[in-house]
């Protein structure tokens, strides 16, 4: 959590496993949340409908971290809609 706060995030939530699904759905409905960073493994434990809702969410954007969800470049590109790593040679 400290790392996220040092990165400038103003609000960090920690959630216990037993109420993860309920809390995630609440945060997806919270208009004050812009980016929701979650563990990939936690998303894998959701039922398919909730996982699809989270991954298709535009506001907030859900960014899975850890695991095998693809490389950082693709995660950043999906989260903000711009390829920050793109160079003139790409």
C-alpha atoms as a PDB file:
ATOM      1  CA  UNK A   1       0.000   0.000   0.000  1.00  0.00           C
ATOM      2  CA  UNK A   2       2.789   2.402   0.792  1.00  0.00           C
ATOM      3  CA  UNK A   3       4.089   2.089  -2.777  1.00  0.00           C
ATOM      4  CA  UNK A   4       0.739   3.163  -4.196  1.00  0.00           C
ATOM      5  CA  UNK A   5       0.579   6.142  -1.850  1.00  0.00           C
ATOM      6  CA  UNK A   6       4.116   7.151  -2.824  1.00  0.00           C
ATOM      7  CA  UNK A   7       3.008   6.973  -6.458  1.00  0.00           C
ATOM      8  CA  UNK A   8       0.391   9.633  -5.724  1.00  0.00           C
ATOM      9  CA  UNK A   9      -2.749   7.602  -5.185  1.00  0.00           C
ATOM     10  CA  UNK A  10      -5.042   9.344  -2.760  1.00  0.00           C
ATOM     11  CA  UNK A  11      -7.265   6.443  -1.815  1.00  0.00           C
ATOM     12  CA  UNK A  12      -6.122   2.871  -1.243  1.00  0.00           C
ATOM     13  CA  UNK A  13      -8.517   0.110  -0.181  1.00  0.00           C
ATOM     14  CA  UNK A  14      -7.541  -3.209   1.286  1.00  0.00           C
ATOM     15  CA  UNK A  15     -10.187  -5.897   1.221  1.00  0.00           C
ATOM     16  CA  UNK A  16     -10.462  -9.238   2.956  1.00  0.00           C
ATOM     17  CA  UNK A  17     -11.063 -12.322   0.817  1.00  0.00           C
ATOM     18  CA  UNK A  18     -14.502 -13.018   2.253  1.00  0.00           C
ATOM     19  CA  UNK A  19     -15.978  -9.690   1.074  1.00  0.00           C
ATOM     20  CA  UNK A  20     -13.808  -9.123  -2.011  1.00  0.00           C
ATOM     21  CA  UNK A  21     -16.583  -9.615  -4.589  1.00  0.00           C
ATOM     22  CA  UNK A  22     -19.030  -7.307  -2.807  1.00  0.00           C
ATOM     23  CA  UNK A  23     -16.417  -4.576  -2.271  1.00  0.00           C
ATOM     24  CA  UNK A  24     -15.171  -4.795  -5.865  1.00  0.00           C
ATOM     25  CA  UNK A  25     -18.710  -4.309  -7.185  1.00  0.00           C
ATOM     26  CA  UNK A  26     -19.167  -1.308  -4.856  1.00  0.00           C
ATOM     27  CA  UNK A  27     -15.944   0.257  -6.135  1.00  0.00           C
ATOM     28  CA  UNK A  28     -16.974  -0.350  -9.760  1.00  0.00           C
ATOM     29  CA  UNK A  29     -20.144   1.663  -9.038  1.00  0.00           C
ATOM     30  CA  UNK A  30     -18.269   4.470  -7.228  1.00  0.00           C
ATOM     31  CA  UNK A  31     -18.006   7.487  -9.548  1.00  0.00           C
ATOM     32  CA  UNK A  32     -15.062   8.880  -7.564  1.00  0.00           C
ATOM     33  CA  UNK A  33     -12.854   5.910  -8.568  1.00  0.00           C
ATOM     34  CA  UNK A  34     -10.939   6.385 -11.835  1.00  0.00           C
ATOM     35  CA  UNK A  35      -8.470   3.494 -11.809  1.00  0.00           C
ATOM     36  CA  UNK A  36      -8.885   0.299  -9.864  1.00  0.00           C
ATOM     37  CA  UNK A  37      -5.710  -1.769  -9.482  1.00  0.00           C
ATOM     38  CA  UNK A  38      -6.358  -5.386  -8.476  1.00  0.00           C
ATOM     39  CA  UNK A  39      -4.377  -8.603  -8.181  1.00  0.00           C
ATOM     40  CA  UNK A  40      -4.829 -10.816 -11.247  1.00  0.00           C
ATOM     41  CA  UNK A  41      -5.252 -13.844  -9.011  1.00  0.00           C
ATOM     42  CA  UNK A  42      -8.164 -12.155  -7.225  1.00  0.00           C
ATOM     43  CA  UNK A  43      -9.927 -11.519 -10.527  1.00  0.00           C
ATOM     44  CA  UNK A  44      -9.500 -15.195 -11.337  1.00  0.00           C
ATOM     45  CA  UNK A  45     -11.525 -16.092  -8.254  1.00  0.00           C
ATOM     46  CA  UNK A  46     -14.574 -14.079  -9.356  1.00  0.00           C
ATOM     47  CA  UNK A  47     -17.511 -15.656 -11.139  1.00  0.00           C
ATOM     48  CA  UNK A  48     -17.371 -15.140 -14.928  1.00  0.00           C
ATOM     49  CA  UNK A  49     -20.031 -12.396 -15.001  1.00  0.00           C
ATOM     50  CA  UNK A  50     -18.293 -10.298 -12.349  1.00  0.00           C
ATOM     51  CA  UNK A  51     -14.881 -10.815 -13.963  1.00  0.00           C
ATOM     52  CA  UNK A  52     -16.270  -9.719 -17.349  1.00  0.00           C
ATOM     53  CA  UNK A  53     -17.877  -6.642 -15.790  1.00  0.00           C
ATOM     54  CA  UNK A  54     -14.599  -5.673 -14.134  1.00  0.00           C
ATOM     55  CA  UNK A  55     -12.470  -6.201 -17.235  1.00  0.00           C
ATOM     56  CA  UNK A  56     -14.901  -4.362 -19.528  1.00  0.00           C
ATOM     57  CA  UNK A  57     -15.332  -1.409 -17.179  1.00  0.00           C
ATOM     58  CA  UNK A  58     -14.396   1.944 -18.654  1.00  0.00           C
ATOM     59  CA  UNK A  59     -14.961   4.070 -15.574  1.00  0.00           C
ATOM     60  CA  UNK A  60     -13.196   2.993 -13.484  1.00  0.00           C
ATOM     61  CA  UNK A  61     -10.580   1.250 -15.555  1.00  0.00           C
ATOM     62  CA  UNK A  62      -9.584  -2.016 -13.897  1.00  0.00           C
ATOM     63  CA  UNK A  63      -5.864  -2.770 -14.141  1.00  0.00           C
ATOM     64  CA  UNK A  64      -4.849  -6.288 -13.099  1.00  0.00           C
ATOM     65  CA  UNK A  65      -1.302  -6.629 -11.768  1.00  0.00           C
ATOM     66  CA  UNK A  66       0.790  -9.689 -11.097  1.00  0.00           C
ATOM     67  CA  UNK A  67       0.393 -13.082 -12.662  1.00  0.00           C
ATOM     68  CA  UNK A  68       0.313 -13.698 -16.377  1.00  0.00           C
ATOM     69  CA  UNK A  69      -2.088 -10.971 -17.534  1.00  0.00           C
ATOM     70  CA  UNK A  70       0.246  -9.649 -20.231  1.00  0.00           C
ATOM     71  CA  UNK A  71       3.063  -7.160 -20.196  1.00  0.00           C
ATOM     72  CA  UNK A  72       3.151  -3.758 -18.515  1.00  0.00           C
ATOM     73  CA  UNK A  73       3.026  -1.935 -21.866  1.00  0.00           C
ATOM     74  CA  UNK A  74      -0.363  -3.453 -22.699  1.00  0.00           C
ATOM     75  CA  UNK A  75      -1.720  -2.759 -19.204  1.00  0.00           C
ATOM     76  CA  UNK A  76      -0.764   0.917 -19.386  1.00  0.00           C
ATOM     77  CA  UNK A  77      -2.132   1.201 -22.912  1.00  0.00           C
ATOM     78  CA  UNK A  78      -5.453  -0.320 -21.851  1.00  0.00           C
ATOM     79  CA  UNK A  79      -5.673   1.808 -18.714  1.00  0.00           C
ATOM     80  CA  UNK A  80      -5.079   5.211 -20.294  1.00  0.00           C
ATOM     81  CA  UNK A  81      -5.733   4.536 -23.968  1.00  0.00           C
ATOM     82  CA  UNK A  82      -2.295   5.673 -25.136  1.00  0.00           C
ATOM     83  CA  UNK A  83       0.847   3.693 -25.847  1.00  0.00           C
ATOM     84  CA  UNK A  84       3.398   5.623 -23.767  1.00  0.00           C
ATOM     85  CA  UNK A  85       6.185   3.329 -24.886  1.00  0.00           C
ATOM     86  CA  UNK A  86       5.647   3.959 -28.589  1.00  0.00           C
ATOM     87  CA  UNK A  87       8.643   5.406 -30.418  1.00  0.00           C
ATOM     88  CA  UNK A  88       8.978   6.747 -33.928  1.00  0.00           C
ATOM     89  CA  UNK A  89      10.361   3.353 -34.971  1.00  0.00           C
ATOM     90  CA  UNK A  90       7.257   1.423 -33.754  1.00  0.00           C
END
